[in-house]
Amino acid sequence: YTQCQSIHARSIFPCQDTPAARVKYAAKLNIPRQLSAVMA
């Protein structure tokens, strides 16, 4: 699981990791079939 506050999103993917930069996003998560994923 993730915890990105305050400045940890940058350790998952490159980004402008500041709350001044608001973004929309799409994500494809490739995972083992026996598991499932949830997302914000």
ModelCIF file with pLDDT and N, C-alpha, C, O atoms, coordinates in Angstrom:
data_MODEL
#
_entry.id   MODEL 
#
_entity.id                         1 
_entity.type                       polymer 
_entity.pdbx_number_of_molecules   1 
#
_entity_poly.entity_id                      1 
_entity_poly.type                           'polypeptide(L)' 
_entity_poly.nstd_linkage                   no 
_entity_poly.nstd_monomer                   no 
_entity_poly.pdbx_seq_one_letter_code       YTQCQSIHARSIFPCQDTPAARVKYAAKLNIPRQLSAVMA 
_entity_poly.pdbx_seq_one_letter_code_can   YTQCQSIHARSIFPCQDTPAARVKYAAKLNIPRQLSAVMA 
_entity_poly.pdbx_strand_id                 A 
#
loop_
_entity_poly_seq.entity_id 
_entity_poly_seq.num 
_entity_poly_seq.mon_id 
_entity_poly_seq.hetero 
1 1  TYR n 
1 2  THR n 
1 3  GLN n 
1 4  CYS n 
1 5  GLN n 
1 6  SER n 
1 7  ILE n 
1 8  HIS n 
1 9  ALA n 
1 10 ARG n 
1 11 SER n 
1 12 ILE n 
1 13 PHE n 
1 14 PRO n 
1 15 CYS n 
1 16 GLN n 
1 17 ASP n 
1 18 THR n 
1 19 PRO n 
1 20 ALA n 
1 21 ALA n 
1 22 ARG n 
1 23 VAL n 
1 24 LYS n 
1 25 TYR n 
1 26 ALA n 
1 27 ALA n 
1 28 LYS n 
1 29 LEU n 
1 30 ASN n 
1 31 ILE n 
1 32 PRO n 
1 33 ARG n 
1 34 GLN n 
1 35 LEU n 
1 36 SER n 
1 37 ALA n 
1 38 VAL n 
1 39 MET n 
1 40 ALA n 
#
_struct_asym.id          A 
_struct_asym.entity_id   1 
#
loop_
_ma_qa_metric.id 
_ma_qa_metric.mode 
_ma_qa_metric.name 
_ma_qa_metric.software_group_id 
_ma_qa_metric.type 
1 global pLDDT . pLDDT 
2 local  pLDDT . pLDDT 
#
_ma_qa_metric_global.metric_id      1 
_ma_qa_metric_global.metric_value   97.83 
_ma_qa_metric_global.model_id       1 
_ma_qa_metric_global.ordinal_id     1 
#
loop_
_ma_qa_metric_local.label_asym_id 
_ma_qa_metric_local.label_comp_id 
_ma_qa_metric_local.label_seq_id 
_ma_qa_metric_local.metric_id 
_ma_qa_metric_local.metric_value 
_ma_qa_metric_local.model_id 
_ma_qa_metric_local.ordinal_id 
A TYR 1  2 98.00 1 1  
A THR 2  2 98.00 1 2  
A GLN 3  2 98.00 1 3  
A CYS 4  2 98.00 1 4  
A GLN 5  2 97.00 1 5  
A SER 6  2 95.00 1 6  
A ILE 7  2 98.00 1 7  
A HIS 8  2 98.00 1 8  
A ALA 9  2 98.00 1 9  
A ARG 10 2 98.00 1 10 
A SER 11 2 98.00 1 11 
A ILE 12 2 98.00 1 12 
A PHE 13 2 98.00 1 13 
A PRO 14 2 98.00 1 14 
A CYS 15 2 98.00 1 15 
A GLN 16 2 98.00 1 16 
A ASP 17 2 98.00 1 17 
A THR 18 2 98.00 1 18 
A PRO 19 2 98.00 1 19 
A ALA 20 2 97.00 1 20 
A ALA 21 2 97.00 1 21 
A ARG 22 2 98.00 1 22 
A VAL 23 2 98.00 1 23 
A LYS 24 2 98.00 1 24 
A TYR 25 2 98.00 1 25 
A ALA 26 2 98.00 1 26 
A ALA 27 2 98.00 1 27 
A LYS 28 2 98.00 1 28 
A LEU 29 2 98.00 1 29 
A ASN 30 2 98.00 1 30 
A ILE 31 2 98.00 1 31 
A PRO 32 2 98.00 1 32 
A ARG 33 2 98.00 1 33 
A GLN 34 2 97.00 1 34 
A LEU 35 2 98.00 1 35 
A SER 36 2 98.00 1 36 
A ALA 37 2 98.00 1 37 
A VAL 38 2 98.00 1 38 
A MET 39 2 98.00 1 39 
A ALA 40 2 98.00 1 40 
#
loop_
_atom_site.group_PDB 
_atom_site.id 
_atom_site.type_symbol 
_atom_site.label_atom_id 
_atom_site.label_alt_id 
_atom_site.label_comp_id 
_atom_site.label_asym_id 
_atom_site.label_entity_id 
_atom_site.label_seq_id 
_atom_site.pdbx_PDB_ins_code 
_atom_site.Cartn_x 
_atom_site.Cartn_y 
_atom_site.Cartn_z 
_atom_site.occupancy 
_atom_site.B_iso_or_equiv 
_atom_site.pdbx_formal_charge 
_atom_site.auth_seq_id 
_atom_site.auth_comp_id 
_atom_site.auth_asym_id 
_atom_site.auth_atom_id 
_atom_site.pdbx_PDB_model_num 
ATOM 1   N N  . TYR A 1 1  ? 0.839  -1.194  0.000   1.00 98.00 ? 1  TYR A N  1 
ATOM 2   C CA . TYR A 1 1  ? 0.000  0.000   0.000   1.00 98.00 ? 1  TYR A CA 1 
ATOM 3   C C  . TYR A 1 1  ? 0.876  1.246   0.000   1.00 98.00 ? 1  TYR A C  1 
ATOM 4   O O  . TYR A 1 1  ? 2.071  1.186   0.288   1.00 98.00 ? 1  TYR A O  1 
ATOM 5   N N  . THR A 1 2  ? 0.258  2.368   -0.327  1.00 98.00 ? 2  THR A N  1 
ATOM 6   C CA . THR A 1 2  ? 0.977  3.633   -0.440  1.00 98.00 ? 2  THR A CA 1 
ATOM 7   C C  . THR A 1 2  ? 0.642  4.567   0.718   1.00 98.00 ? 2  THR A C  1 
ATOM 8   O O  . THR A 1 2  ? -0.413 4.453   1.343   1.00 98.00 ? 2  THR A O  1 
ATOM 9   N N  . GLN A 1 3  ? 1.556  5.489   0.991   1.00 98.00 ? 3  GLN A N  1 
ATOM 10  C CA . GLN A 1 3  ? 1.283  6.681   1.797   1.00 98.00 ? 3  GLN A CA 1 
ATOM 11  C C  . GLN A 1 3  ? 2.134  7.790   1.202   1.00 98.00 ? 3  GLN A C  1 
ATOM 12  O O  . GLN A 1 3  ? 3.340  7.851   1.440   1.00 98.00 ? 3  GLN A O  1 
ATOM 13  N N  . CYS A 1 4  ? 1.499  8.674   0.421   1.00 98.00 ? 4  CYS A N  1 
ATOM 14  C CA . CYS A 1 4  ? 2.250  9.663   -0.355  1.00 98.00 ? 4  CYS A CA 1 
ATOM 15  C C  . CYS A 1 4  ? 2.366  11.028  0.314   1.00 98.00 ? 4  CYS A C  1 
ATOM 16  O O  . CYS A 1 4  ? 3.222  11.822  -0.075  1.00 98.00 ? 4  CYS A O  1 
ATOM 17  N N  . GLN A 1 5  ? 1.540  11.321  1.297   1.00 97.00 ? 5  GLN A N  1 
ATOM 18  C CA . GLN A 1 5  ? 1.689  12.600  1.999   1.00 97.00 ? 5  GLN A CA 1 
ATOM 19  C C  . GLN A 1 5  ? 2.897  12.528  2.926   1.00 97.00 ? 5  GLN A C  1 
ATOM 20  O O  . GLN A 1 5  ? 3.059  11.509  3.598   1.00 97.00 ? 5  GLN A O  1 
ATOM 21  N N  . SER A 1 6  ? 3.763  13.552  3.005   1.00 95.00 ? 6  SER A N  1 
ATOM 22  C CA . SER A 1 6  ? 3.614  14.818  2.310   1.00 95.00 ? 6  SER A CA 1 
ATOM 23  C C  . SER A 1 6  ? 4.345  14.819  0.947   1.00 95.00 ? 6  SER A C  1 
ATOM 24  O O  . SER A 1 6  ? 3.830  15.372  -0.024  1.00 95.00 ? 6  SER A O  1 
ATOM 25  N N  . ILE A 1 7  ? 5.519  14.213  0.875   1.00 98.00 ? 7  ILE A N  1 
ATOM 26  C CA . ILE A 1 7  ? 6.330  14.339  -0.349  1.00 98.00 ? 7  ILE A CA 1 
ATOM 27  C C  . ILE A 1 7  ? 6.883  12.973  -0.767  1.00 98.00 ? 7  ILE A C  1 
ATOM 28  O O  . ILE A 1 7  ? 8.076  12.827  -1.032  1.00 98.00 ? 7  ILE A O  1 
ATOM 29  N N  . HIS A 1 8  ? 5.998  11.984  -0.818  1.00 98.00 ? 8  HIS A N  1 
ATOM 30  C CA . HIS A 1 8  ? 6.464  10.623  -1.108  1.00 98.00 ? 8  HIS A CA 1 
ATOM 31  C C  . HIS A 1 8  ? 5.961  10.063  -2.433  1.00 98.00 ? 8  HIS A C  1 
ATOM 32  O O  . HIS A 1 8  ? 6.382  8.975   -2.826  1.00 98.00 ? 8  HIS A O  1 
ATOM 33  N N  . ALA A 1 9  ? 5.065  10.775  -3.143  1.00 98.00 ? 9  ALA A N  1 
ATOM 34  C CA . ALA A 1 9  ? 4.629  10.291  -4.460  1.00 98.00 ? 9  ALA A CA 1 
ATOM 35  C C  . ALA A 1 9  ? 5.828  10.148  -5.389  1.00 98.00 ? 9  ALA A C  1 
ATOM 36  O O  . ALA A 1 9  ? 5.849  9.271   -6.252  1.00 98.00 ? 9  ALA A O  1 
ATOM 37  N N  . ARG A 1 10 ? 6.825  11.010  -5.211  1.00 98.00 ? 10 ARG A N  1 
ATOM 38  C CA . ARG A 1 10 ? 8.028  11.006  -6.061  1.00 98.00 ? 10 ARG A CA 1 
ATOM 39  C C  . ARG A 1 10 ? 8.823  9.708   -5.941  1.00 98.00 ? 10 ARG A C  1 
ATOM 40  O O  . ARG A 1 10 ? 9.665  9.423   -6.793  1.00 98.00 ? 10 ARG A O  1 
ATOM 41  N N  . SER A 1 11 ? 8.575  8.928   -4.913  1.00 98.00 ? 11 SER A N  1 
ATOM 42  C CA . SER A 1 11 ? 9.290  7.647   -4.788  1.00 98.00 ? 11 SER A CA 1 
ATOM 43  C C  . SER A 1 11 ? 8.549  6.515   -5.484  1.00 98.00 ? 11 SER A C  1 
ATOM 44  O O  . SER A 1 11 ? 8.992  5.367   -5.433  1.00 98.00 ? 11 SER A O  1 
ATOM 45  N N  . ILE A 1 12 ? 7.407  6.824   -6.146  1.00 98.00 ? 12 ILE A N  1 
ATOM 46  C CA . ILE A 1 12 ? 6.681  5.826   -6.946  1.00 98.00 ? 12 ILE A CA 1 
ATOM 47  C C  . ILE A 1 12 ? 6.843  6.121   -8.431  1.00 98.00 ? 12 ILE A C  1 
ATOM 48  O O  . ILE A 1 12 ? 7.079  5.215   -9.230  1.00 98.00 ? 12 ILE A O  1 
ATOM 49  N N  . PHE A 1 13 ? 6.714  7.404   -8.799  1.00 98.00 ? 13 PHE A N  1 
ATOM 50  C CA . PHE A 1 13 ? 6.866  7.792   -10.201 1.00 98.00 ? 13 PHE A CA 1 
ATOM 51  C C  . PHE A 1 13 ? 7.351  9.237   -10.245 1.00 98.00 ? 13 PHE A C  1 
ATOM 52  O O  . PHE A 1 13 ? 7.090  9.990   -9.307  1.00 98.00 ? 13 PHE A O  1 
ATOM 53  N N  . PRO A 1 14 ? 8.057  9.655   -11.317 1.00 98.00 ? 14 PRO A N  1 
ATOM 54  C CA . PRO A 1 14 ? 8.508  11.046  -11.416 1.00 98.00 ? 14 PRO A CA 1 
ATOM 55  C C  . PRO A 1 14 ? 7.307  11.971  -11.556 1.00 98.00 ? 14 PRO A C  1 
ATOM 56  O O  . PRO A 1 14 ? 6.382  11.678  -12.313 1.00 98.00 ? 14 PRO A O  1 
ATOM 57  N N  . CYS A 1 15 ? 7.316  13.081  -10.835 1.00 98.00 ? 15 CYS A N  1 
ATOM 58  C CA . CYS A 1 15 ? 6.195  14.019  -10.898 1.00 98.00 ? 15 CYS A CA 1 
ATOM 59  C C  . CYS A 1 15 ? 6.630  15.359  -10.318 1.00 98.00 ? 15 CYS A C  1 
ATOM 60  O O  . CYS A 1 15 ? 7.689  15.465  -9.699  1.00 98.00 ? 15 CYS A O  1 
ATOM 61  N N  . GLN A 1 16 ? 5.817  16.363  -10.523 1.00 98.00 ? 16 GLN A N  1 
ATOM 62  C CA . GLN A 1 16 ? 5.996  17.633  -9.829  1.00 98.00 ? 16 GLN A CA 1 
ATOM 63  C C  . GLN A 1 16 ? 5.281  17.474  -8.492  1.00 98.00 ? 16 GLN A C  1 
ATOM 64  O O  . GLN A 1 16 ? 4.090  17.754  -8.358  1.00 98.00 ? 16 GLN A O  1 
ATOM 65  N N  . ASP A 1 17 ? 6.046  17.019  -7.516  1.00 98.00 ? 17 ASP A N  1 
ATOM 66  C CA . ASP A 1 17 ? 5.461  16.538  -6.258  1.00 98.00 ? 17 ASP A CA 1 
ATOM 67  C C  . ASP A 1 17 ? 5.228  17.700  -5.297  1.00 98.00 ? 17 ASP A C  1 
ATOM 68  O O  . ASP A 1 17 ? 5.861  17.802  -4.247  1.00 98.00 ? 17 ASP A O  1 
ATOM 69  N N  . THR A 1 18 ? 4.316  18.558  -5.683  1.00 98.00 ? 18 THR A N  1 
ATOM 70  C CA . THR A 1 18 ? 3.914  19.695  -4.867  1.00 98.00 ? 18 THR A CA 1 
ATOM 71  C C  . THR A 1 18 ? 2.405  19.832  -4.964  1.00 98.00 ? 18 THR A C  1 
ATOM 72  O O  . THR A 1 18 ? 1.848  19.614  -6.040  1.00 98.00 ? 18 THR A O  1 
ATOM 73  N N  . PRO A 1 19 ? 1.722  20.184  -3.880  1.00 98.00 ? 19 PRO A N  1 
ATOM 74  C CA . PRO A 1 19 ? 0.268  20.349  -3.965  1.00 98.00 ? 19 PRO A CA 1 
ATOM 75  C C  . PRO A 1 19 ? -0.153 21.522  -4.840  1.00 98.00 ? 19 PRO A C  1 
ATOM 76  O O  . PRO A 1 19 ? -1.336 21.667  -5.149  1.00 98.00 ? 19 PRO A O  1 
ATOM 77  N N  . ALA A 1 20 ? 0.801  22.363  -5.244  1.00 97.00 ? 20 ALA A N  1 
ATOM 78  C CA . ALA A 1 20 ? 0.481  23.435  -6.190  1.00 97.00 ? 20 ALA A CA 1 
ATOM 79  C C  . ALA A 1 20 ? 0.165  22.882  -7.572  1.00 97.00 ? 20 ALA A C  1 
ATOM 80  O O  . ALA A 1 20 ? -0.490 23.550  -8.372  1.00 97.00 ? 20 ALA A O  1 
ATOM 81  N N  . ALA A 1 21 ? 0.630  21.656  -7.863  1.00 97.00 ? 21 ALA A N  1 
ATOM 82  C CA . ALA A 1 21 ? 0.452  21.041  -9.182  1.00 97.00 ? 21 ALA A CA 1 
ATOM 83  C C  . ALA A 1 21 ? -0.665 20.002  -9.120  1.00 97.00 ? 21 ALA A C  1 
ATOM 84  O O  . ALA A 1 21 ? -0.417 18.843  -8.786  1.00 97.00 ? 21 ALA A O  1 
ATOM 85  N N  . ARG A 1 22 ? -1.867 20.404  -9.433  1.00 98.00 ? 22 ARG A N  1 
ATOM 86  C CA . ARG A 1 22 ? -3.009 19.486  -9.403  1.00 98.00 ? 22 ARG A CA 1 
ATOM 87  C C  . ARG A 1 22 ? -3.100 18.766  -10.749 1.00 98.00 ? 22 ARG A C  1 
ATOM 88  O O  . ARG A 1 22 ? -2.984 19.388  -11.805 1.00 98.00 ? 22 ARG A O  1 
ATOM 89  N N  . VAL A 1 23 ? -3.309 17.443  -10.700 1.00 98.00 ? 23 VAL A N  1 
ATOM 90  C CA . VAL A 1 23 ? -3.319 16.645  -11.929 1.00 98.00 ? 23 VAL A CA 1 
ATOM 91  C C  . VAL A 1 23 ? -4.508 15.681  -11.934 1.00 98.00 ? 23 VAL A C  1 
ATOM 92  O O  . VAL A 1 23 ? -4.987 15.237  -10.890 1.00 98.00 ? 23 VAL A O  1 
ATOM 93  N N  . LYS A 1 24 ? -4.957 15.381  -13.138 1.00 98.00 ? 24 LYS A N  1 
ATOM 94  C CA . LYS A 1 24 ? -5.850 14.241  -13.356 1.00 98.00 ? 24 LYS A CA 1 
ATOM 95  C C  . LYS A 1 24 ? -4.960 13.060  -13.754 1.00 98.00 ? 24 LYS A C  1 
ATOM 96  O O  . LYS A 1 24 ? -3.842 13.258  -14.231 1.00 98.00 ? 24 LYS A O  1 
ATOM 97  N N  . TYR A 1 25 ? -5.454 11.830  -13.558 1.00 98.00 ? 25 TYR A N  1 
ATOM 98  C CA . TYR A 1 25 ? -4.601 10.702  -13.943 1.00 98.00 ? 25 TYR A CA 1 
ATOM 99  C C  . TYR A 1 25 ? -5.410 9.474   -14.337 1.00 98.00 ? 25 TYR A C  1 
ATOM 100 O O  . TYR A 1 25 ? -6.591 9.345   -14.014 1.00 98.00 ? 25 TYR A O  1 
ATOM 101 N N  . ALA A 1 26 ? -4.735 8.584   -15.044 1.00 98.00 ? 26 ALA A N  1 
ATOM 102 C CA . ALA A 1 26 ? -5.252 7.253   -15.359 1.00 98.00 ? 26 ALA A CA 1 
ATOM 103 C C  . ALA A 1 26 ? -4.165 6.261   -14.983 1.00 98.00 ? 26 ALA A C  1 
ATOM 104 O O  . ALA A 1 26 ? -2.978 6.573   -15.076 1.00 98.00 ? 26 ALA A O  1 
ATOM 105 N N  . ALA A 1 27 ? -4.565 5.062   -14.557 1.00 98.00 ? 27 ALA A N  1 
ATOM 106 C CA . ALA A 1 27 ? -3.565 4.086   -14.116 1.00 98.00 ? 27 ALA A CA 1 
ATOM 107 C C  . ALA A 1 27 ? -3.986 2.675   -14.487 1.00 98.00 ? 27 ALA A C  1 
ATOM 108 O O  . ALA A 1 27 ? -5.144 2.288   -14.332 1.00 98.00 ? 27 ALA A O  1 
ATOM 109 N N  . LYS A 1 28 ? -3.011 1.915   -14.982 1.00 98.00 ? 28 LYS A N  1 
ATOM 110 C CA . LYS A 1 28 ? -3.190 0.485   -15.243 1.00 98.00 ? 28 LYS A CA 1 
ATOM 111 C C  . LYS A 1 28 ? -2.239 -0.259  -14.312 1.00 98.00 ? 28 LYS A C  1 
ATOM 112 O O  . LYS A 1 28 ? -1.023 -0.094  -14.402 1.00 98.00 ? 28 LYS A O  1 
ATOM 113 N N  . LEU A 1 29 ? -2.789 -1.071  -13.426 1.00 98.00 ? 29 LEU A N  1 
ATOM 114 C CA . LEU A 1 29 ? -2.007 -1.816  -12.437 1.00 98.00 ? 29 LEU A CA 1 
ATOM 115 C C  . LEU A 1 29 ? -1.979 -3.282  -12.847 1.00 98.00 ? 29 LEU A C  1 
ATOM 116 O O  . LEU A 1 29 ? -3.009 -3.957  -12.834 1.00 98.00 ? 29 LEU A O  1 
ATOM 117 N N  . ASN A 1 30 ? -0.791 -3.774  -13.212 1.00 98.00 ? 30 ASN A N  1 
ATOM 118 C CA . ASN A 1 30 ? -0.626 -5.182  -13.583 1.00 98.00 ? 30 ASN A CA 1 
ATOM 119 C C  . ASN A 1 30 ? -0.170 -5.937  -12.337 1.00 98.00 ? 30 ASN A C  1 
ATOM 120 O O  . ASN A 1 30 ? 0.924  -5.702  -11.824 1.00 98.00 ? 30 ASN A O  1 
ATOM 121 N N  . ILE A 1 31 ? -1.027 -6.854  -11.850 1.00 98.00 ? 31 ILE A N  1 
ATOM 122 C CA . ILE A 1 31 ? -0.811 -7.503  -10.552 1.00 98.00 ? 31 ILE A CA 1 
ATOM 123 C C  . ILE A 1 31 ? -1.025 -9.000  -10.669 1.00 98.00 ? 31 ILE A C  1 
ATOM 124 O O  . ILE A 1 31 ? -1.615 -9.453  -11.650 1.00 98.00 ? 31 ILE A O  1 
ATOM 125 N N  . PRO A 1 32 ? -0.564 -9.791  -9.693  1.00 98.00 ? 32 PRO A N  1 
ATOM 126 C CA . PRO A 1 32 ? -0.868 -11.228 -9.690  1.00 98.00 ? 32 PRO A CA 1 
ATOM 127 C C  . PRO A 1 32 ? -2.382 -11.469 -9.680  1.00 98.00 ? 32 PRO A C  1 
ATOM 128 O O  . PRO A 1 32 ? -3.126 -10.770 -8.992  1.00 98.00 ? 32 PRO A O  1 
ATOM 129 N N  . ARG A 1 33 ? -2.821 -12.454 -10.440 1.00 98.00 ? 33 ARG A N  1 
ATOM 130 C CA . ARG A 1 33 ? -4.255 -12.688 -10.644 1.00 98.00 ? 33 ARG A CA 1 
ATOM 131 C C  . ARG A 1 33 ? -4.996 -12.994 -9.343  1.00 98.00 ? 33 ARG A C  1 
ATOM 132 O O  . ARG A 1 33 ? -6.177 -12.667 -9.226  1.00 98.00 ? 33 ARG A O  1 
ATOM 133 N N  . GLN A 1 34 ? -4.340 -13.608 -8.369  1.00 97.00 ? 34 GLN A N  1 
ATOM 134 C CA . GLN A 1 34 ? -5.042 -13.969 -7.132  1.00 97.00 ? 34 GLN A CA 1 
ATOM 135 C C  . GLN A 1 34 ? -5.282 -12.776 -6.219  1.00 97.00 ? 34 GLN A C  1 
ATOM 136 O O  . GLN A 1 34 ? -5.965 -12.894 -5.201  1.00 97.00 ? 34 GLN A O  1 
ATOM 137 N N  . LEU A 1 35 ? -4.711 -11.608 -6.590  1.00 98.00 ? 35 LEU A N  1 
ATOM 138 C CA . LEU A 1 35 ? -4.883 -10.406 -5.782  1.00 98.00 ? 35 LEU A CA 1 
ATOM 139 C C  . LEU A 1 35 ? -5.858 -9.450  -6.459  1.00 98.00 ? 35 LEU A C  1 
ATOM 140 O O  . LEU A 1 35 ? -6.244 -9.654  -7.610  1.00 98.00 ? 35 LEU A O  1 
ATOM 141 N N  . SER A 1 36 ? -6.245 -8.420  -5.744  1.00 98.00 ? 36 SER A N  1 
ATOM 142 C CA . SER A 1 36 ? -7.056 -7.359  -6.322  1.00 98.00 ? 36 SER A CA 1 
ATOM 143 C C  . SER A 1 36 ? -6.494 -6.017  -5.882  1.00 98.00 ? 36 SER A C  1 
ATOM 144 O O  . SER A 1 36 ? -5.685 -5.944  -4.957  1.00 98.00 ? 36 SER A O  1 
ATOM 145 N N  . ALA A 1 37 ? -6.930 -4.958  -6.552  1.00 98.00 ? 37 ALA A N  1 
ATOM 146 C CA . ALA A 1 37 ? -6.405 -3.620  -6.282  1.00 98.00 ? 37 ALA A CA 1 
ATOM 147 C C  . ALA A 1 37 ? -7.551 -2.655  -6.019  1.00 98.00 ? 37 ALA A C  1 
ATOM 148 O O  . ALA A 1 37 ? -8.634 -2.785  -6.589  1.00 98.00 ? 37 ALA A O  1 
ATOM 149 N N  . VAL A 1 38 ? -7.297 -1.690  -5.151  1.00 98.00 ? 38 VAL A N  1 
ATOM 150 C CA . VAL A 1 38 ? -8.181 -0.546  -4.985  1.00 98.00 ? 38 VAL A CA 1 
ATOM 151 C C  . VAL A 1 38 ? -7.330 0.702   -5.152  1.00 98.00 ? 38 VAL A C  1 
ATOM 152 O O  . VAL A 1 38 ? -6.112 0.678   -4.976  1.00 98.00 ? 38 VAL A O  1 
ATOM 153 N N  . MET A 1 39 ? -8.009 1.797   -5.499  1.00 98.00 ? 39 MET A N  1 
ATOM 154 C CA . MET A 1 39 ? -7.267 3.020   -5.774  1.00 98.00 ? 39 MET A CA 1 
ATOM 155 C C  . MET A 1 39 ? -8.146 4.216   -5.431  1.00 98.00 ? 39 MET A C  1 
ATOM 156 O O  . MET A 1 39 ? -9.373 4.122   -5.430  1.00 98.00 ? 39 MET A O  1 
ATOM 157 N N  . ALA A 1 40 ? -7.499 5.342   -5.141  1.00 98.00 ? 40 ALA A N  1 
ATOM 158 C CA . ALA A 1 40 ? -8.229 6.585   -4.890  1.00 98.00 ? 40 ALA A CA 1 
ATOM 159 C C  . ALA A 1 40 ? -8.614 7.186   -6.237  1.00 98.00 ? 40 ALA A C  1 
ATOM 160 O O  . ALA A 1 40 ? -9.241 8.245   -6.285  1.00 98.00 ? 40 ALA A O  1 
#
